[in-house]
Amino acid sequence: MITEKEMVSAIYNCVKKREKYLIDEKAFLISLSIGIPIDDFYEVDGRLTYRGLVNGYVADCENYLSIIDKYDEKTIVEASLYMFNLIRRGISGKLNEKASKLLSELNLFPSYS
């Protein structure tokens, strides 16, 4: 049976195969959307980083990337940091409209209207 760390690594490797930027943030949002624990993600200088990579696993992440890639870099970083702070630190800050919409499309935030 595959472990949680291997599942997140599979998502991370999928994103890394297809993307050049914001790999950690995109893998974080996809992992959250699927419901996988995010214990090995950390914030460093206002960006997320993944420190638990297990090589050899790759998941199918195309559907999630097609949603995330509709948004600009600033929105992706803001949405991922918002969710990281909410889950890991219990801090809920302000979220702009575009970041709210992204999280809503990933089913991570109340419906965007």
C-alpha atoms as a PDB file:
ATOM      1  CA  MET A   1       0.000   0.000   0.000  1.00  0.00           C
ATOM      2  CA  ILE A   2       1.261   3.483  -0.873  1.00  0.00           C
ATOM      3  CA  THR A   3       2.048   5.841   2.016  1.00  0.00           C
ATOM      4  CA  GLU A   4       0.865   9.441   2.345  1.00  0.00           C
ATOM      5  CA  LYS A   5       4.414  10.675   1.684  1.00  0.00           C
ATOM      6  CA  GLU A   6       4.545   8.581  -1.503  1.00  0.00           C
ATOM      7  CA  MET A   7       1.156   9.977  -2.605  1.00  0.00           C
ATOM      8  CA  VAL A   8       2.321  13.569  -2.178  1.00  0.00           C
ATOM      9  CA  SER A   9       5.593  12.708  -3.921  1.00  0.00           C
ATOM     10  CA  ALA A  10       3.637  11.242  -6.839  1.00  0.00           C
ATOM     11  CA  ILE A  11       1.688  14.495  -7.158  1.00  0.00           C
ATOM     12  CA  TYR A  12       4.867  16.567  -6.805  1.00  0.00           C
ATOM     13  CA  ASN A  13       6.622  14.512  -9.493  1.00  0.00           C
ATOM     14  CA  CYS A  14       3.631  14.878 -11.824  1.00  0.00           C
ATOM     15  CA  VAL A  15       3.669  18.656 -11.429  1.00  0.00           C
ATOM     16  CA  LYS A  16       7.463  18.786 -11.820  1.00  0.00           C
ATOM     17  CA  LYS A  17       7.253  16.803 -15.084  1.00  0.00           C
ATOM     18  CA  ARG A  18       4.814  19.276 -16.605  1.00  0.00           C
ATOM     19  CA  GLU A  19       5.602  22.639 -15.020  1.00  0.00           C
ATOM     20  CA  LYS A  20       8.621  24.905 -14.618  1.00  0.00           C
ATOM     21  CA  TYR A  21       7.279  27.377 -12.040  1.00  0.00           C
ATOM     22  CA  LEU A  22       5.448  27.179  -8.707  1.00  0.00           C
ATOM     23  CA  ILE A  23       5.908  23.419  -8.509  1.00  0.00           C
ATOM     24  CA  ASP A  24       5.672  23.312  -4.712  1.00  0.00           C
ATOM     25  CA  GLU A  25       2.610  25.581  -4.526  1.00  0.00           C
ATOM     26  CA  LYS A  26       0.765  23.637  -7.223  1.00  0.00           C
ATOM     27  CA  ALA A  27       1.605  20.284  -5.617  1.00  0.00           C
ATOM     28  CA  PHE A  28       0.398  21.671  -2.271  1.00  0.00           C
ATOM     29  CA  LEU A  29      -2.963  22.803  -3.693  1.00  0.00           C
ATOM     30  CA  ILE A  30      -3.512  19.503  -5.519  1.00  0.00           C
ATOM     31  CA  SER A  31      -2.620  17.489  -2.406  1.00  0.00           C
ATOM     32  CA  LEU A  32      -5.112  19.511  -0.367  1.00  0.00           C
ATOM     33  CA  SER A  33      -7.782  19.145  -3.018  1.00  0.00           C
ATOM     34  CA  ILE A  34      -7.381  15.359  -2.991  1.00  0.00           C
ATOM     35  CA  GLY A  35      -7.332  15.282   0.805  1.00  0.00           C
ATOM     36  CA  ILE A  36      -3.759  14.159   1.403  1.00  0.00           C
ATOM     37  CA  PRO A  37      -1.990  15.508   4.533  1.00  0.00           C
ATOM     38  CA  ILE A  38       0.490  18.279   3.848  1.00  0.00           C
ATOM     39  CA  ASP A  39       2.946  17.649   6.681  1.00  0.00           C
ATOM     40  CA  ASP A  40       6.095  17.929   4.539  1.00  0.00           C
ATOM     41  CA  PHE A  41       5.321  21.376   3.099  1.00  0.00           C
ATOM     42  CA  TYR A  42       6.970  24.383   4.708  1.00  0.00           C
ATOM     43  CA  GLU A  43       6.981  28.130   4.157  1.00  0.00           C
ATOM     44  CA  VAL A  44      10.346  29.673   3.354  1.00  0.00           C
ATOM     45  CA  ASP A  45      10.592  33.382   2.534  1.00  0.00           C
ATOM     46  CA  GLY A  46       6.951  33.698   1.487  1.00  0.00           C
ATOM     47  CA  ARG A  47       6.945  30.599  -0.726  1.00  0.00           C
ATOM     48  CA  LEU A  48       6.089  26.969  -0.081  1.00  0.00           C
ATOM     49  CA  THR A  49       8.611  24.176  -0.342  1.00  0.00           C
ATOM     50  CA  TYR A  50       8.171  20.397  -0.210  1.00  0.00           C
ATOM     51  CA  ARG A  51      10.675  18.431   1.863  1.00  0.00           C
ATOM     52  CA  GLY A  52       9.640  14.825   1.725  1.00  0.00           C
ATOM     53  CA  LEU A  53      10.195  13.708  -1.831  1.00  0.00           C
ATOM     54  CA  VAL A  54      10.180   9.985  -2.500  1.00  0.00           C
ATOM     55  CA  ASN A  55      11.333   9.255  -6.056  1.00  0.00           C
ATOM     56  CA  GLY A  56       9.719   6.706  -8.318  1.00  0.00           C
ATOM     57  CA  TYR A  57       6.076   7.732  -7.985  1.00  0.00           C
ATOM     58  CA  VAL A  58       4.110   9.845 -10.464  1.00  0.00           C
ATOM     59  CA  ALA A  59       0.383  10.593 -10.312  1.00  0.00           C
ATOM     60  CA  ASP A  60      -2.024  11.941 -12.909  1.00  0.00           C
ATOM     61  CA  CYS A  61      -2.519  15.614 -12.139  1.00  0.00           C
ATOM     62  CA  GLU A  62      -3.616  17.055 -15.486  1.00  0.00           C
ATOM     63  CA  ASN A  63      -7.159  17.960 -14.399  1.00  0.00           C
ATOM     64  CA  TYR A  64      -5.899  19.909 -11.405  1.00  0.00           C
ATOM     65  CA  LEU A  65      -3.159  21.664 -13.370  1.00  0.00           C
ATOM     66  CA  SER A  66      -5.683  22.745 -15.999  1.00  0.00           C
ATOM     67  CA  ILE A  67      -7.576  24.581 -13.244  1.00  0.00           C
ATOM     68  CA  ILE A  68      -4.518  26.041 -11.504  1.00  0.00           C
ATOM     69  CA  ASP A  69      -2.781  27.143 -14.711  1.00  0.00           C
ATOM     70  CA  LYS A  70      -5.651  29.503 -15.554  1.00  0.00           C
ATOM     71  CA  TYR A  71      -4.365  31.783 -12.792  1.00  0.00           C
ATOM     72  CA  ASP A  72      -1.336  34.047 -12.557  1.00  0.00           C
ATOM     73  CA  GLU A  73       1.683  33.383 -10.338  1.00  0.00           C
ATOM     74  CA  LYS A  74       0.679  35.902  -7.655  1.00  0.00           C
ATOM     75  CA  THR A  75      -2.776  34.335  -7.281  1.00  0.00           C
ATOM     76  CA  ILE A  76      -1.377  30.789  -7.013  1.00  0.00           C
ATOM     77  CA  VAL A  77       1.150  31.821  -4.362  1.00  0.00           C
ATOM     78  CA  GLU A  78      -1.478  33.790  -2.415  1.00  0.00           C
ATOM     79  CA  ALA A  79      -3.987  30.918  -2.469  1.00  0.00           C
ATOM     80  CA  SER A  80      -1.418  28.333  -1.393  1.00  0.00           C
ATOM     81  CA  LEU A  81      -0.030  30.505   1.424  1.00  0.00           C
ATOM     82  CA  TYR A  82      -3.550  31.325   2.610  1.00  0.00           C
ATOM     83  CA  MET A  83      -4.416  27.624   2.908  1.00  0.00           C
ATOM     84  CA  PHE A  84      -1.029  26.811   4.469  1.00  0.00           C
ATOM     85  CA  ASN A  85      -1.476  29.502   7.136  1.00  0.00           C
ATOM     86  CA  LEU A  86      -5.071  28.482   7.780  1.00  0.00           C
ATOM     87  CA  ILE A  87      -4.267  24.797   8.225  1.00  0.00           C
ATOM     88  CA  ARG A  88      -0.828  24.893   9.841  1.00  0.00           C
ATOM     89  CA  ARG A  89      -1.069  28.088  11.877  1.00  0.00           C
ATOM     90  CA  GLY A  90      -4.793  28.633  12.337  1.00  0.00           C
ATOM     91  CA  ILE A  91      -4.464  32.084  10.793  1.00  0.00           C
ATOM     92  CA  SER A  92      -7.078  33.262   8.326  1.00  0.00           C
ATOM     93  CA  GLY A  93      -6.194  36.464   6.554  1.00  0.00           C
ATOM     94  CA  LYS A  94      -7.666  38.393   3.674  1.00  0.00           C
ATOM     95  CA  LEU A  95      -7.951  36.654   0.351  1.00  0.00           C
ATOM     96  CA  ASN A  96      -8.461  38.445  -2.948  1.00  0.00           C
ATOM     97  CA  GLU A  97     -11.252  37.539  -5.337  1.00  0.00           C
ATOM     98  CA  LYS A  98      -9.084  35.625  -7.820  1.00  0.00           C
ATOM     99  CA  ALA A  99      -7.454  33.493  -5.105  1.00  0.00           C
ATOM    100  CA  SER A 100     -10.896  32.755  -3.635  1.00  0.00           C
ATOM    101  CA  LYS A 101     -12.107  31.652  -7.049  1.00  0.00           C
ATOM    102  CA  LEU A 102      -9.082  29.358  -7.527  1.00  0.00           C
ATOM    103  CA  LEU A 103      -9.639  27.691  -4.148  1.00  0.00           C
ATOM    104  CA  SER A 104     -13.328  27.345  -4.922  1.00  0.00           C
ATOM    105  CA  GLU A 105     -12.593  25.636  -8.248  1.00  0.00           C
ATOM    106  CA  LEU A 106     -10.371  23.177  -6.361  1.00  0.00           C
ATOM    107  CA  ASN A 107     -13.193  22.627  -3.836  1.00  0.00           C
ATOM    108  CA  LEU A 108     -11.042  24.060  -1.041  1.00  0.00           C
ATOM    109  CA  PHE A 109     -13.091  27.152  -0.291  1.00  0.00           C
ATOM    110  CA  PRO A 110     -16.807  27.947  -0.031  1.00  0.00           C
ATOM    111  CA  SER A 111     -18.437  28.327  -3.407  1.00  0.00           C
ATOM    112  CA  TYR A 112     -17.439  31.390  -5.320  1.00  0.00           C
ATOM    113  CA  SER A 113     -20.412  33.432  -6.439  1.00  0.00           C
END
